[in-house]
N, C-alpha and C. Protein backbone atom coordinates (compact mmCIF):
# COMPACT_ATOMS: atom_id res chain seq x y z
N MET A 1 -33.48 7.04 -11.89
CA MET A 1 -33.63 5.60 -11.98
C MET A 1 -32.25 4.94 -11.97
N ALA A 2 -32.05 4.00 -11.08
CA ALA A 2 -30.81 3.25 -11.02
C ALA A 2 -30.98 1.95 -11.79
N GLN A 3 -29.91 1.54 -12.44
CA GLN A 3 -29.98 0.33 -13.25
C GLN A 3 -29.09 -0.76 -12.65
N LYS A 4 -29.45 -1.99 -12.94
CA LYS A 4 -28.68 -3.14 -12.46
C LYS A 4 -27.20 -2.90 -12.75
N GLY A 5 -26.37 -3.12 -11.74
CA GLY A 5 -24.93 -2.93 -11.88
C GLY A 5 -24.43 -1.58 -11.42
N ASP A 6 -25.34 -0.61 -11.17
CA ASP A 6 -24.93 0.71 -10.68
C ASP A 6 -24.39 0.61 -9.25
N TRP A 7 -23.44 1.47 -8.92
CA TRP A 7 -22.90 1.60 -7.56
C TRP A 7 -23.89 2.44 -6.76
N VAL A 8 -24.41 1.87 -5.66
CA VAL A 8 -25.46 2.55 -4.90
C VAL A 8 -25.23 2.39 -3.40
N LYS A 9 -26.01 3.15 -2.63
CA LYS A 9 -26.02 3.01 -1.18
C LYS A 9 -27.45 2.72 -0.75
N ILE A 10 -27.58 1.74 0.16
CA ILE A 10 -28.89 1.40 0.72
C ILE A 10 -28.86 1.60 2.23
N LYS A 11 -30.05 1.65 2.82
CA LYS A 11 -30.13 1.67 4.28
C LYS A 11 -31.06 0.55 4.72
N GLN A 12 -30.77 0.05 5.91
CA GLN A 12 -31.57 -1.04 6.47
C GLN A 12 -31.71 -0.79 7.97
N VAL A 13 -32.92 -0.83 8.47
CA VAL A 13 -33.13 -0.68 9.91
C VAL A 13 -32.86 -2.03 10.56
N ILE A 14 -31.89 -2.05 11.46
CA ILE A 14 -31.50 -3.28 12.15
C ILE A 14 -32.40 -3.51 13.36
N LEU A 15 -32.60 -2.47 14.16
CA LEU A 15 -33.48 -2.55 15.34
C LEU A 15 -34.35 -1.32 15.41
N GLU A 16 -35.64 -1.53 15.61
CA GLU A 16 -36.56 -0.42 15.87
C GLU A 16 -36.33 0.07 17.31
N PRO A 17 -36.73 1.31 17.63
CA PRO A 17 -36.52 1.83 18.98
C PRO A 17 -37.04 0.88 20.07
N SER A 18 -38.18 0.25 19.84
CA SER A 18 -38.75 -0.65 20.85
C SER A 18 -37.94 -1.92 21.04
N GLU A 19 -37.08 -2.25 20.08
CA GLU A 19 -36.28 -3.47 20.15
C GLU A 19 -34.89 -3.23 20.74
N ARG A 20 -34.54 -1.98 20.96
CA ARG A 20 -33.20 -1.65 21.44
C ARG A 20 -33.04 -1.99 22.91
N SER A 21 -31.82 -2.25 23.32
CA SER A 21 -31.50 -2.63 24.69
C SER A 21 -31.89 -1.55 25.69
N GLU A 22 -32.22 -1.99 26.89
CA GLU A 22 -32.52 -1.06 27.98
C GLU A 22 -31.29 -0.22 28.33
N ASN A 23 -30.10 -0.72 28.01
CA ASN A 23 -28.85 -0.02 28.33
C ASN A 23 -28.47 1.03 27.29
N THR A 24 -29.27 1.17 26.25
CA THR A 24 -29.00 2.17 25.23
C THR A 24 -29.12 3.56 25.84
N PRO A 25 -28.14 4.46 25.56
CA PRO A 25 -28.21 5.81 26.11
C PRO A 25 -29.51 6.52 25.72
N GLN A 26 -30.02 7.35 26.61
CA GLN A 26 -31.29 8.06 26.41
C GLN A 26 -31.32 8.84 25.10
N ASP A 27 -30.20 9.48 24.73
CA ASP A 27 -30.21 10.33 23.55
C ASP A 27 -30.34 9.54 22.24
N THR A 28 -30.12 8.21 22.27
CA THR A 28 -30.28 7.41 21.06
C THR A 28 -31.37 6.35 21.17
N LYS A 29 -31.90 6.17 22.35
CA LYS A 29 -32.90 5.12 22.59
C LYS A 29 -34.14 5.26 21.70
N GLY A 30 -34.51 6.47 21.35
CA GLY A 30 -35.73 6.70 20.57
C GLY A 30 -35.54 6.63 19.07
N THR A 31 -34.33 6.30 18.61
CA THR A 31 -34.08 6.24 17.17
C THR A 31 -33.75 4.81 16.76
N PRO A 32 -34.11 4.43 15.55
CA PRO A 32 -33.78 3.08 15.10
C PRO A 32 -32.27 2.92 14.89
N LEU A 33 -31.76 1.70 15.10
CA LEU A 33 -30.38 1.38 14.77
C LEU A 33 -30.36 1.09 13.28
N THR A 34 -29.64 1.91 12.52
CA THR A 34 -29.68 1.84 11.07
C THR A 34 -28.30 1.54 10.50
N MET A 35 -28.27 0.74 9.44
CA MET A 35 -27.04 0.40 8.74
C MET A 35 -27.13 0.95 7.32
N TRP A 36 -26.02 1.51 6.84
CA TRP A 36 -25.92 1.95 5.45
C TRP A 36 -24.85 1.10 4.79
N VAL A 37 -25.12 0.62 3.58
CA VAL A 37 -24.19 -0.26 2.87
C VAL A 37 -24.11 0.17 1.42
N LYS A 38 -22.89 0.11 0.86
CA LYS A 38 -22.69 0.41 -0.56
C LYS A 38 -22.41 -0.88 -1.32
N GLY A 39 -22.86 -0.92 -2.57
CA GLY A 39 -22.62 -2.09 -3.40
C GLY A 39 -23.20 -1.93 -4.79
N LEU A 40 -23.15 -3.01 -5.55
CA LEU A 40 -23.65 -3.01 -6.92
C LEU A 40 -25.10 -3.50 -6.93
N LEU A 41 -25.95 -2.73 -7.57
CA LEU A 41 -27.38 -3.01 -7.62
C LEU A 41 -27.65 -4.29 -8.41
N LEU A 42 -28.49 -5.15 -7.87
CA LEU A 42 -28.80 -6.42 -8.52
C LEU A 42 -30.06 -6.37 -9.38
N GLN A 43 -30.81 -5.25 -9.29
CA GLN A 43 -31.97 -5.07 -10.17
C GLN A 43 -32.23 -3.57 -10.31
N ASP A 44 -32.95 -3.18 -11.33
CA ASP A 44 -33.28 -1.76 -11.50
C ASP A 44 -34.12 -1.28 -10.32
N GLY A 45 -34.01 0.01 -10.00
CA GLY A 45 -34.82 0.56 -8.92
C GLY A 45 -34.72 2.07 -8.86
N GLU A 46 -35.60 2.66 -8.07
CA GLU A 46 -35.61 4.10 -7.86
C GLU A 46 -35.37 4.38 -6.38
N ILE A 47 -34.94 5.60 -6.09
CA ILE A 47 -34.74 6.01 -4.70
C ILE A 47 -36.02 5.73 -3.93
N GLY A 48 -35.88 5.06 -2.78
CA GLY A 48 -37.03 4.69 -1.96
C GLY A 48 -37.50 3.26 -2.15
N ASP A 49 -37.07 2.62 -3.24
CA ASP A 49 -37.45 1.22 -3.48
C ASP A 49 -36.64 0.29 -2.58
N THR A 50 -37.21 -0.86 -2.25
CA THR A 50 -36.47 -1.92 -1.58
C THR A 50 -35.74 -2.71 -2.66
N VAL A 51 -34.42 -2.79 -2.53
CA VAL A 51 -33.59 -3.44 -3.55
C VAL A 51 -32.56 -4.35 -2.88
N LYS A 52 -31.89 -5.15 -3.70
CA LYS A 52 -30.78 -5.96 -3.24
C LYS A 52 -29.51 -5.48 -3.92
N ILE A 53 -28.41 -5.52 -3.15
CA ILE A 53 -27.11 -5.15 -3.70
C ILE A 53 -26.12 -6.27 -3.39
N LYS A 54 -25.02 -6.26 -4.12
CA LYS A 54 -23.91 -7.15 -3.82
C LYS A 54 -22.72 -6.27 -3.45
N THR A 55 -22.21 -6.47 -2.23
CA THR A 55 -21.09 -5.66 -1.75
C THR A 55 -19.79 -6.14 -2.41
N LEU A 56 -18.73 -5.37 -2.23
CA LEU A 56 -17.44 -5.75 -2.79
C LEU A 56 -16.88 -7.00 -2.13
N THR A 57 -17.39 -7.35 -0.95
CA THR A 57 -16.95 -8.59 -0.29
C THR A 57 -17.83 -9.77 -0.68
N GLY A 58 -18.83 -9.54 -1.55
CA GLY A 58 -19.67 -10.63 -2.05
C GLY A 58 -20.96 -10.87 -1.29
N ARG A 59 -21.22 -10.08 -0.22
CA ARG A 59 -22.47 -10.25 0.51
C ARG A 59 -23.63 -9.68 -0.30
N VAL A 60 -24.79 -10.32 -0.21
CA VAL A 60 -26.01 -9.78 -0.81
C VAL A 60 -26.83 -9.21 0.34
N VAL A 61 -27.18 -7.92 0.23
CA VAL A 61 -27.89 -7.21 1.29
C VAL A 61 -29.11 -6.53 0.69
N GLU A 62 -30.22 -6.55 1.43
CA GLU A 62 -31.45 -5.90 0.99
C GLU A 62 -31.69 -4.67 1.84
N GLY A 63 -32.18 -3.60 1.21
CA GLY A 63 -32.50 -2.39 1.94
C GLY A 63 -33.17 -1.37 1.03
N ILE A 64 -33.38 -0.19 1.59
CA ILE A 64 -34.01 0.91 0.85
C ILE A 64 -32.94 1.67 0.08
N LEU A 65 -33.13 1.83 -1.21
CA LEU A 65 -32.19 2.58 -2.05
C LEU A 65 -32.22 4.05 -1.66
N VAL A 66 -31.06 4.58 -1.24
CA VAL A 66 -31.01 5.98 -0.79
C VAL A 66 -30.12 6.87 -1.65
N GLU A 67 -29.19 6.28 -2.41
CA GLU A 67 -28.29 7.12 -3.20
C GLU A 67 -27.70 6.32 -4.35
N ILE A 68 -27.55 6.99 -5.49
CA ILE A 68 -26.93 6.40 -6.67
C ILE A 68 -25.56 7.06 -6.84
N ASN A 69 -24.53 6.26 -7.06
CA ASN A 69 -23.15 6.74 -7.16
C ASN A 69 -22.75 7.57 -5.94
N PRO A 70 -22.83 6.97 -4.74
CA PRO A 70 -22.48 7.72 -3.52
C PRO A 70 -21.00 8.10 -3.49
N ARG A 71 -20.75 9.28 -2.94
CA ARG A 71 -19.38 9.78 -2.80
C ARG A 71 -18.78 9.28 -1.49
N HIS A 72 -17.47 9.25 -1.45
CA HIS A 72 -16.76 9.04 -0.18
C HIS A 72 -16.59 10.43 0.41
N ILE A 73 -17.24 10.69 1.55
CA ILE A 73 -17.19 12.04 2.12
C ILE A 73 -16.59 12.07 3.51
N HIS A 74 -15.91 11.00 3.91
CA HIS A 74 -15.32 10.97 5.24
C HIS A 74 -13.93 11.59 5.21
N ASP A 75 -13.47 12.00 6.35
CA ASP A 75 -12.09 12.47 6.48
C ASP A 75 -11.62 12.15 7.90
N PHE A 76 -10.44 12.60 8.25
CA PHE A 76 -9.89 12.30 9.56
C PHE A 76 -10.04 13.48 10.52
N GLY A 77 -10.88 14.43 10.18
CA GLY A 77 -11.12 15.57 11.07
C GLY A 77 -10.00 16.60 11.02
N ASN A 78 -10.06 17.54 11.95
CA ASN A 78 -9.06 18.60 12.01
C ASN A 78 -7.72 18.07 12.50
N PRO A 79 -6.62 18.67 12.02
CA PRO A 79 -5.30 18.24 12.50
C PRO A 79 -5.17 18.50 14.00
N ILE A 80 -4.46 17.61 14.68
CA ILE A 80 -4.22 17.75 16.12
C ILE A 80 -2.75 18.10 16.30
N PRO A 81 -2.45 19.33 16.75
CA PRO A 81 -1.05 19.78 16.85
C PRO A 81 -0.15 18.81 17.62
N GLU A 82 -0.65 18.22 18.70
CA GLU A 82 0.17 17.30 19.50
C GLU A 82 0.58 16.06 18.69
N LEU A 83 -0.36 15.58 17.83
CA LEU A 83 -0.03 14.41 17.01
C LEU A 83 0.95 14.76 15.90
N ILE A 84 0.87 15.96 15.37
CA ILE A 84 1.84 16.39 14.36
C ILE A 84 3.23 16.41 14.97
N LYS A 85 3.35 17.00 16.17
CA LYS A 85 4.65 17.06 16.87
C LYS A 85 5.14 15.66 17.21
N ALA A 86 4.24 14.78 17.64
CA ALA A 86 4.63 13.41 17.97
C ALA A 86 5.12 12.67 16.74
N GLY A 87 4.50 12.90 15.60
CA GLY A 87 4.93 12.28 14.35
C GLY A 87 6.32 12.74 13.94
N ILE A 88 6.59 14.02 14.09
CA ILE A 88 7.92 14.57 13.78
C ILE A 88 8.96 13.95 14.70
N LYS A 89 8.65 13.87 15.98
CA LYS A 89 9.57 13.30 16.97
C LYS A 89 9.81 11.81 16.68
N ALA A 90 8.77 11.07 16.35
CA ALA A 90 8.92 9.65 16.03
C ALA A 90 9.82 9.47 14.82
N ARG A 91 9.66 10.31 13.81
CA ARG A 91 10.48 10.24 12.61
C ARG A 91 11.95 10.49 12.95
N GLU A 92 12.19 11.47 13.85
CA GLU A 92 13.56 11.75 14.28
C GLU A 92 14.17 10.55 15.00
N ILE A 93 13.41 9.92 15.85
CA ILE A 93 13.89 8.75 16.60
C ILE A 93 14.15 7.58 15.65
N LEU A 94 13.22 7.31 14.77
CA LEU A 94 13.33 6.16 13.89
C LEU A 94 14.37 6.32 12.77
N TYR A 95 14.47 7.52 12.24
CA TYR A 95 15.31 7.72 11.06
C TYR A 95 16.48 8.66 11.29
N GLY A 96 16.68 9.12 12.52
CA GLY A 96 17.85 9.92 12.83
C GLY A 96 17.80 11.36 12.38
N GLY A 97 16.64 11.90 12.18
CA GLY A 97 16.54 13.32 11.81
C GLY A 97 15.30 13.59 10.99
N GLU A 98 15.16 14.84 10.61
CA GLU A 98 14.00 15.26 9.80
C GLU A 98 14.18 14.83 8.37
N GLU A 99 13.08 14.66 7.67
CA GLU A 99 13.15 14.34 6.24
C GLU A 99 13.66 15.55 5.48
N GLU A 100 14.35 15.27 4.38
CA GLU A 100 14.86 16.37 3.57
C GLU A 100 13.85 16.78 2.54
């Protein structure tokens, strides 16, 4: 059970498959366009309930409660050797050598 003021994540279907553009790629045309938003819960609720949240930017958004205290699980992927080398070279150009 989530309580008013808890940090939560909701989902909201923006467009059903039938409402999506004809130009939508075939591999995604059959799925709904869905938005996930994090914010502070404005009323008590349970996973699966339709609730309202207030985002950190002050927007009030309604959707299905999907997670309580969601984690940040994104990253920047695997390192790219060419970008590491480019960063070292840029540092040499900008600062006249490698860092000590």
